[in-house]
């Protein structure tokens, strides 16, 4: 069993301290959440050869300078330019400007991406839960290491979309479309969120949710996603980055052939919370229905794409990231005794994820251990 670097343990202890306060005391001032964000920006933005795809992204950074601005502009218009762009136009443009104009070292790119991602993450979390520290702690392992420190393109793109939920609530279609446009310029998977402006308001009840989930489980062995051909491949694939993801998020042969693993357990937990607290959440939590609809889509997508390790992590993960906010939010609508039980369950999951992440190859492959983690400015 490997141990996370103390820098990450400090972040966990900090989140736990304020999590207890916000759940059992009073609301914590947002400035303390921003202090956490700044600290995480330093950890991920200035990392040195840390993260499962660090080398791949560094290669893309250098290669981006060979692309012309005209080709980037044509890619933005979804037209073909003289140069073939391996990744999306906005991400390529950020790379090219930093390297071509400022001749910046690679850690400047990771810093810029980290600042943007953490900003949108904080704003989204503050907008959608009364327990931001608890939710961030709950999602920290492994999502911080897979997202902010790993698949930085999809992570940034999805958090831009998460941030744009505020415009669904405000019914500002053009604002929402603008942020979808930006997010898809970072990662094409964000196009999947385009219909959510309308789907978020579709009325669902427990019967409809159950039927949709059962149908998805039934369809799982048939791999119906293959009818979409290269369309989904282009959304989920990062070319040279796919190998980095598959090596980092190891999928056992047994699980892909019908076994039961941690992803299935998390889907069961999410489904349990979805059905158990649906009535109370509809009555007491604002805009709960939006997150419920995202959760149902995420669960259904998971089972439909289950036999493909890339689709079931990339495409599904984007939706499930929305829906996990439901779990801490249930504490807002229950009695004091039930709140304590839910909180104890969340902390137990955090401890479980910590042990699993430290026990498997993930922590070493990503170089997050006390021996391997390096930072350009921290000792």
Protein backbone atom coordinates (compact mmCIF):
# COMPACT_ATOMS: atom_id res chain seq x y z
CA UNK A 1 0.00 0.00 0.00
CA UNK A 2 1.39 3.38 -1.06
CA UNK A 3 0.73 6.65 0.74
CA UNK A 4 -0.44 9.88 -0.88
CA UNK A 5 1.93 12.79 -0.60
CA UNK A 6 1.27 14.87 2.56
CA UNK A 7 0.22 17.81 0.37
CA UNK A 8 -2.92 15.89 -0.62
CA UNK A 9 -3.54 14.65 2.92
CA UNK A 10 -3.45 18.27 4.12
CA UNK A 11 -6.20 19.08 1.58
CA UNK A 12 -8.28 16.13 2.80
CA UNK A 13 -7.96 17.18 6.46
CA UNK A 14 -8.83 20.78 5.55
CA UNK A 15 -11.96 19.66 3.69
CA UNK A 16 -12.97 17.33 6.51
CA UNK A 17 -12.68 20.13 9.12
CA UNK A 18 -14.95 22.51 7.22
CA UNK A 19 -17.22 19.65 6.11
CA UNK A 20 -18.11 18.88 9.73
CA UNK A 21 -18.72 22.57 10.37
CA UNK A 22 -21.03 23.10 7.38
CA UNK A 23 -23.06 19.94 8.06
CA UNK A 24 -23.45 20.21 11.82
CA UNK A 25 -22.77 23.88 12.45
CA UNK A 26 -23.37 26.90 10.27
CA UNK A 27 -22.67 27.71 6.64
CA UNK A 28 -18.97 28.27 5.99
CA UNK A 29 -17.91 31.54 4.36
CA UNK A 30 -17.05 31.08 0.69
CA UNK A 31 -13.58 32.56 1.19
CA UNK A 32 -12.46 29.32 2.91
CA UNK A 33 -13.59 27.39 -0.15
CA UNK A 34 -11.55 29.70 -2.36
CA UNK A 35 -8.50 29.13 -0.14
CA UNK A 36 -8.91 25.42 -0.82
CA UNK A 37 -9.23 26.15 -4.55
CA UNK A 38 -6.01 28.18 -4.59
CA UNK A 39 -4.17 25.41 -2.76
CA UNK A 40 -5.41 22.79 -5.23
CA UNK A 41 -4.42 25.03 -8.15
CA UNK A 42 -0.86 25.09 -6.80
CA UNK A 43 -0.81 21.31 -6.36
CA UNK A 44 -2.08 20.51 -9.83
CA UNK A 45 -0.94 23.56 -11.78
CA UNK A 46 2.73 23.37 -10.82
CA UNK A 47 3.02 19.57 -10.75
CA UNK A 48 6.18 18.25 -12.35
CA UNK A 49 5.80 15.02 -14.35
CA UNK A 50 2.80 14.05 -12.21
CA UNK A 51 -0.40 12.59 -13.60
CA UNK A 52 -1.05 9.50 -15.76
CA UNK A 53 -1.17 11.49 -19.01
CA UNK A 54 1.45 14.13 -18.24
CA UNK A 55 3.80 13.02 -21.01
CA UNK A 56 1.03 12.77 -23.59
CA UNK A 57 -0.24 16.26 -22.86
CA UNK A 58 3.29 17.62 -22.94
CA UNK A 59 3.72 16.10 -26.39
CA UNK A 60 0.48 17.71 -27.55
CA UNK A 61 1.67 21.03 -26.16
CA UNK A 62 4.84 21.03 -28.26
CA UNK A 63 3.01 19.68 -31.31
CA UNK A 64 0.33 22.38 -31.14
CA UNK A 65 2.83 25.01 -32.28
CA UNK A 66 2.96 23.34 -35.70
CA UNK A 67 -0.71 24.16 -36.34
CA UNK A 68 -1.65 27.39 -38.08
CA UNK A 69 -4.11 29.89 -36.62
CA UNK A 70 -6.11 29.58 -39.82
CA UNK A 71 -6.49 25.83 -39.30
CA UNK A 72 -7.60 26.43 -35.72
CA UNK A 73 -10.17 28.96 -36.92
CA UNK A 74 -11.49 26.54 -39.54
CA UNK A 75 -11.74 23.79 -36.91
CA UNK A 76 -13.79 26.18 -34.77
CA UNK A 77 -16.23 26.47 -37.70
CA UNK A 78 -16.19 22.67 -38.09
CA UNK A 79 -14.53 23.04 -41.45
CA UNK A 80 -11.34 21.47 -42.76
CA UNK A 81 -8.18 23.58 -42.79
CA UNK A 82 -4.70 22.93 -44.21
CA UNK A 83 -3.53 21.31 -40.95
CA UNK A 84 -5.12 18.31 -39.26
CA UNK A 85 -5.90 19.10 -35.60
CA UNK A 86 -5.66 16.08 -33.33
CA UNK A 87 -7.58 17.78 -30.51
CA UNK A 88 -10.24 20.48 -30.29
CA UNK A 89 -9.72 24.02 -31.52
CA UNK A 90 -9.87 25.97 -28.23
CA UNK A 91 -7.49 23.69 -26.41
CA UNK A 92 -5.09 23.81 -29.38
CA UNK A 93 -5.38 27.62 -29.47
CA UNK A 94 -4.51 27.92 -25.76
CA UNK A 95 -1.49 25.67 -26.30
CA UNK A 96 -0.32 27.58 -29.36
CA UNK A 97 -0.66 31.04 -27.79
CA UNK A 98 1.26 30.03 -24.66
CA UNK A 99 4.05 28.44 -26.66
CA UNK A 100 4.11 30.60 -29.80
CA UNK A 101 3.56 34.00 -28.18
CA UNK A 102 4.96 33.61 -24.66
CA UNK A 103 7.33 30.66 -25.16
CA UNK A 104 5.99 29.41 -21.83
CA UNK A 105 7.17 26.16 -20.24
CA UNK A 106 4.65 23.34 -20.03
CA UNK A 107 3.78 23.95 -16.39
CA UNK A 108 2.29 27.31 -17.40
CA UNK A 109 -0.28 25.41 -19.48
CA UNK A 110 -1.13 23.06 -16.59
CA UNK A 111 -1.44 26.14 -14.36
CA UNK A 112 -3.79 27.95 -16.76
CA UNK A 113 -5.97 24.85 -17.21
CA UNK A 114 -6.01 24.28 -13.44
CA UNK A 115 -7.07 27.87 -12.73
CA UNK A 116 -9.94 27.64 -15.20
CA UNK A 117 -11.06 24.19 -14.04
CA UNK A 118 -10.97 25.03 -10.32
CA UNK A 119 -12.80 28.32 -10.92
CA UNK A 120 -15.69 26.62 -12.72
CA UNK A 121 -15.66 23.79 -10.18
CA UNK A 122 -15.99 26.16 -7.23
CA UNK A 123 -18.76 28.18 -8.86
CA UNK A 124 -20.68 25.04 -9.85
CA UNK A 125 -20.34 23.52 -6.38
CA UNK A 126 -21.45 26.71 -4.62
CA UNK A 127 -24.43 26.99 -6.96
CA UNK A 128 -25.70 23.46 -6.46
CA UNK A 129 -25.13 22.30 -2.89
CA UNK A 130 -25.30 23.63 0.66
CA UNK A 131 -22.36 21.38 1.51
CA UNK A 132 -19.50 22.35 -0.85
CA UNK A 133 -16.69 21.00 1.33
CA UNK A 134 -18.51 17.71 1.88
CA UNK A 135 -19.19 17.27 -1.82
CA UNK A 136 -15.60 18.15 -2.77
CA UNK A 137 -14.24 15.75 -0.15
CA UNK A 138 -16.61 13.04 -1.37
CA UNK A 139 -15.41 13.50 -4.97
CA UNK A 140 -11.73 14.12 -4.20
CA UNK A 141 -10.59 10.50 -4.58
CA UNK A 142 -10.25 9.47 -7.32
CA UNK A 143 -11.84 12.30 -9.35
CA UNK A 144 -9.29 15.00 -8.54
CA UNK A 145 -6.49 12.70 -9.64
CA UNK A 146 -8.27 11.43 -12.75
CA UNK A 147 -9.65 14.87 -13.66
CA UNK A 148 -7.61 17.91 -12.64
CA UNK A 149 -4.40 15.86 -12.53
CA UNK A 150 -5.19 13.46 -15.38
CA UNK A 151 -7.65 14.01 -18.20
CA UNK A 152 -7.41 17.79 -17.99
CA UNK A 153 -9.26 18.44 -21.25
CA UNK A 154 -12.42 16.53 -20.43
CA UNK A 155 -12.26 17.75 -16.84
CA UNK A 156 -12.15 21.41 -17.86
CA UNK A 157 -14.79 20.98 -20.56
CA UNK A 158 -17.27 19.24 -18.27
CA UNK A 159 -16.83 21.78 -15.49
CA UNK A 160 -17.54 24.57 -17.97
CA UNK A 161 -20.79 22.74 -18.74
CA UNK A 162 -21.47 22.17 -15.03
CA UNK A 163 -21.05 25.90 -14.47
CA UNK A 164 -23.57 26.58 -17.25
CA UNK A 165 -26.34 24.82 -15.30
CA UNK A 166 -27.05 28.25 -13.84
CA UNK A 167 -28.26 29.35 -17.27
CA UNK A 168 -30.63 26.39 -17.51
CA UNK A 169 -32.09 27.51 -14.19
CA UNK A 170 -32.35 31.09 -15.44
CA UNK A 171 -33.76 29.92 -18.81
CA UNK A 172 -31.06 31.76 -20.73
CA UNK A 173 -30.67 29.60 -23.81
CA UNK A 174 -28.05 31.68 -25.63
CA UNK A 175 -25.85 31.87 -22.55
CA UNK A 176 -26.03 28.10 -22.21
CA UNK A 177 -25.26 27.55 -25.91
CA UNK A 178 -22.24 29.86 -25.65
CA UNK A 179 -20.73 27.81 -22.83
CA UNK A 180 -21.47 24.56 -24.67
CA UNK A 181 -19.58 26.08 -27.61
CA UNK A 182 -16.59 26.89 -25.38
CA UNK A 183 -16.67 23.53 -23.60
CA UNK A 184 -16.85 21.58 -26.86
CA UNK A 185 -13.79 23.54 -28.01
CA UNK A 186 -11.95 21.84 -25.14
CA UNK A 187 -13.47 18.36 -25.50
CA UNK A 188 -16.12 17.09 -27.91
CA UNK A 189 -17.82 14.98 -25.22
CA UNK A 190 -19.44 18.22 -24.08
CA UNK A 191 -21.73 18.15 -27.13
CA UNK A 192 -23.67 15.45 -25.28
CA UNK A 193 -24.89 18.12 -22.88
CA UNK A 194 -26.52 20.23 -25.57
CA UNK A 195 -29.99 18.63 -25.17
CA UNK A 196 -29.86 18.95 -21.38
CA UNK A 197 -31.26 22.47 -21.55
CA UNK A 198 -34.57 20.82 -22.45
CA UNK A 199 -34.14 17.35 -20.90
CA UNK A 200 -33.39 18.81 -17.47
CA UNK A 201 -37.02 19.90 -17.18
CA UNK A 202 -38.63 16.65 -18.36
CA UNK A 203 -40.91 15.37 -15.58
CA UNK A 204 -39.96 11.96 -14.19
CA UNK A 205 -41.39 9.77 -11.47
CA UNK A 206 -40.09 6.64 -9.78
CA UNK A 207 -41.91 4.33 -12.17
CA UNK A 208 -40.44 5.97 -15.27
CA UNK A 209 -36.97 6.03 -13.71
CA UNK A 210 -37.18 2.34 -12.81
CA UNK A 211 -38.36 1.36 -16.28
CA UNK A 212 -35.55 3.35 -17.96
CA UNK A 213 -32.88 1.79 -15.72
CA UNK A 214 -34.20 -1.76 -16.17
CA UNK A 215 -34.28 -1.32 -19.96
CA UNK A 216 -30.68 -0.06 -19.89
CA UNK A 217 -29.54 -3.04 -17.81
CA UNK A 218 -31.29 -5.37 -20.28
CA UNK A 219 -29.64 -3.64 -23.25
CA UNK A 220 -26.17 -3.78 -21.70
CA UNK A 221 -24.96 -7.07 -23.31
CA UNK A 222 -26.13 -6.06 -26.78
CA UNK A 223 -23.69 -3.12 -27.14
CA UNK A 224 -26.23 -1.01 -29.01
CA UNK A 225 -23.82 1.94 -28.92
CA UNK A 226 -22.03 0.35 -31.88
CA UNK A 227 -24.77 1.63 -34.21
CA UNK A 228 -23.35 5.15 -33.74
CA UNK A 229 -20.07 4.05 -35.27
CA UNK A 230 -17.24 6.57 -35.27
CA UNK A 231 -19.41 9.37 -33.86
CA UNK A 232 -19.00 8.23 -30.26
CA UNK A 233 -15.42 7.14 -30.92
CA UNK A 234 -14.52 10.71 -31.83
CA UNK A 235 -16.13 12.01 -28.64
CA UNK A 236 -14.50 9.55 -26.27
CA UNK A 237 -11.13 9.17 -27.92
CA UNK A 238 -8.11 11.27 -27.17
CA UNK A 239 -5.88 9.46 -29.65
CA UNK A 240 -2.58 9.04 -27.82
CA UNK A 241 -4.27 9.89 -24.51
CA UNK A 242 -6.52 6.83 -24.53
CA UNK A 243 -3.63 4.55 -23.60
CA UNK A 244 -2.86 6.79 -20.66
CA UNK A 245 -6.42 6.55 -19.39
CA UNK A 246 -6.70 2.81 -19.84
CA UNK A 247 -3.41 2.24 -18.06
CA UNK A 248 -4.47 4.42 -15.18
CA UNK A 249 -8.10 3.38 -14.69
CA UNK A 250 -7.52 -0.36 -14.80
CA UNK A 251 -10.57 -2.43 -15.78
CA UNK A 252 -10.47 -6.12 -14.92
CA UNK A 253 -11.50 -8.70 -17.50
CA UNK A 254 -13.95 -10.20 -15.02
CA UNK A 255 -15.85 -6.93 -14.55
CA UNK A 256 -16.11 -6.21 -18.25
CA UNK A 257 -17.48 -9.70 -18.79
CA UNK A 258 -20.34 -9.29 -16.36
CA UNK A 259 -18.63 -9.16 -12.97
CA UNK A 260 -19.31 -6.72 -10.17
CA UNK A 261 -16.91 -3.94 -9.24
CA UNK A 262 -16.67 -0.50 -7.67
CA UNK A 263 -18.44 1.28 -10.61
CA UNK A 264 -21.45 -1.02 -10.25
CA UNK A 265 -21.48 -0.45 -6.49
CA UNK A 266 -21.49 3.32 -7.01
CA UNK A 267 -24.36 3.04 -9.49
CA UNK A 268 -26.31 1.04 -6.89
CA UNK A 269 -25.59 3.64 -4.21
CA UNK A 270 -26.65 6.49 -6.48
CA UNK A 271 -29.80 4.63 -7.48
CA UNK A 272 -30.64 3.97 -3.82
CA UNK A 273 -30.38 7.66 -2.93
CA UNK A 274 -32.29 8.61 -6.05
CA UNK A 275 -35.31 6.46 -5.20
CA UNK A 276 -35.22 6.73 -1.39
CA UNK A 277 -35.16 10.52 -1.14
CA UNK A 278 -36.88 11.51 -4.38
CA UNK A 279 -40.13 12.68 -2.77
CA UNK A 280 -38.52 14.77 -0.04
CA UNK A 281 -35.98 16.27 -2.42
CA UNK A 282 -38.73 17.36 -4.83
CA UNK A 283 -40.50 19.08 -1.96
CA UNK A 284 -37.59 20.80 -0.26
CA UNK A 285 -34.52 21.10 -2.52
CA UNK A 286 -34.50 23.73 -5.29
CA UNK A 287 -33.80 22.47 -8.81
CA UNK A 288 -33.42 18.92 -7.57
CA UNK A 289 -35.22 17.64 -10.67
CA UNK A 290 -32.37 18.84 -12.92
CA UNK A 291 -29.80 16.74 -11.07
CA UNK A 292 -32.19 13.80 -10.88
CA UNK A 293 -32.55 13.79 -14.67
CA UNK A 294 -28.77 13.94 -15.12
CA UNK A 295 -28.46 11.04 -12.67
CA UNK A 296 -30.96 8.87 -14.54
CA UNK A 297 -29.20 9.56 -17.85
CA UNK A 298 -25.80 8.78 -16.28
CA UNK A 299 -27.00 5.49 -14.79
CA UNK A 300 -28.67 4.42 -18.04
CA UNK A 301 -25.62 5.38 -20.09
CA UNK A 302 -23.37 3.45 -17.73
CA UNK A 303 -25.16 0.15 -18.32
CA UNK A 304 -25.59 0.76 -22.06
CA UNK A 305 -21.86 1.50 -22.47
CA UNK A 306 -20.67 -0.90 -19.76
CA UNK A 307 -18.81 -3.28 -22.09
CA UNK A 308 -16.59 -0.48 -23.40
CA UNK A 309 -14.10 0.73 -20.74
CA UNK A 310 -13.54 4.07 -22.48
CA UNK A 311 -17.20 4.91 -23.10
CA UNK A 312 -18.28 3.73 -19.63
CA UNK A 313 -15.72 6.05 -18.02
CA UNK A 314 -15.44 9.03 -20.40
CA UNK A 315 -18.99 9.49 -21.64
CA UNK A 316 -20.75 8.29 -18.52
CA UNK A 317 -18.40 10.03 -16.10
CA UNK A 318 -19.36 13.40 -17.50
CA UNK A 319 -23.02 12.86 -16.54
CA UNK A 320 -22.41 11.05 -13.27
CA UNK A 321 -20.30 13.98 -12.10
CA UNK A 322 -23.51 16.00 -12.03
CA UNK A 323 -25.53 13.39 -10.23
CA UNK A 324 -23.25 12.62 -7.30
CA UNK A 325 -24.18 16.00 -5.83
CA UNK A 326 -27.51 14.37 -4.93
CA UNK A 327 -25.90 12.26 -2.19
CA UNK A 328 -24.72 15.06 0.13
CA UNK A 329 -27.73 17.19 -0.80
CA UNK A 330 -30.08 14.62 0.76
CA UNK A 331 -28.80 15.72 4.18
CA UNK A 332 -30.67 18.99 3.65
CA UNK A 333 -34.11 17.35 3.60
CA UNK A 334 -33.90 14.68 6.31
CA UNK A 335 -34.06 14.59 10.09
CA UNK A 336 -31.04 15.13 12.30
CA UNK A 337 -30.61 11.42 12.96
CA UNK A 338 -30.76 10.45 9.30
CA UNK A 339 -28.39 13.29 8.44
CA UNK A 340 -25.79 11.80 10.79
CA UNK A 341 -26.21 8.39 9.17
CA UNK A 342 -25.80 9.81 5.66
CA UNK A 343 -22.75 11.81 6.70
CA UNK A 344 -21.18 8.76 8.33
CA UNK A 345 -21.80 6.84 5.09
CA UNK A 346 -20.15 9.59 3.01
CA UNK A 347 -17.07 9.62 5.25
CA UNK A 348 -16.92 5.81 5.10
CA UNK A 349 -16.91 6.04 1.29
CA UNK A 350 -14.13 8.63 1.43
CA UNK A 351 -12.03 6.32 3.61
CA UNK A 352 -12.81 3.35 1.35
CA UNK A 353 -11.77 5.27 -1.77
CA UNK A 354 -8.59 6.42 -0.02
CA UNK A 355 -7.65 2.83 0.84
CA UNK A 356 -8.52 1.47 -2.62
CA UNK A 357 -6.70 4.28 -4.43
CA UNK A 358 -3.62 3.75 -2.24
CA UNK A 359 -3.67 -0.03 -2.58
CA UNK A 360 -3.92 -0.34 -6.37
CA UNK A 361 -1.52 0.79 -9.10
CA UNK A 362 -3.30 4.13 -9.64
CA UNK A 363 -1.36 6.11 -7.09
CA UNK A 364 2.04 5.00 -8.42
CA UNK A 365 1.14 5.28 -12.10
CA UNK A 366 0.02 8.84 -11.48
CA UNK A 367 3.12 9.59 -9.35
CA UNK A 368 1.04 10.92 -6.44
CA UNK A 369 2.98 9.10 -3.73
CA UNK A 370 5.18 10.68 -1.11
CA UNK A 371 8.26 9.44 -3.01
CA UNK A 372 7.19 10.35 -6.55
CA UNK A 373 5.17 13.59 -6.40
CA UNK A 374 7.16 16.66 -7.52
CA UNK A 375 6.15 20.30 -7.73
CA UNK A 376 7.92 23.19 -9.44
CA UNK A 377 7.45 25.65 -6.54
CA UNK A 378 6.73 23.51 -3.46
CA UNK A 379 9.55 21.77 -1.59
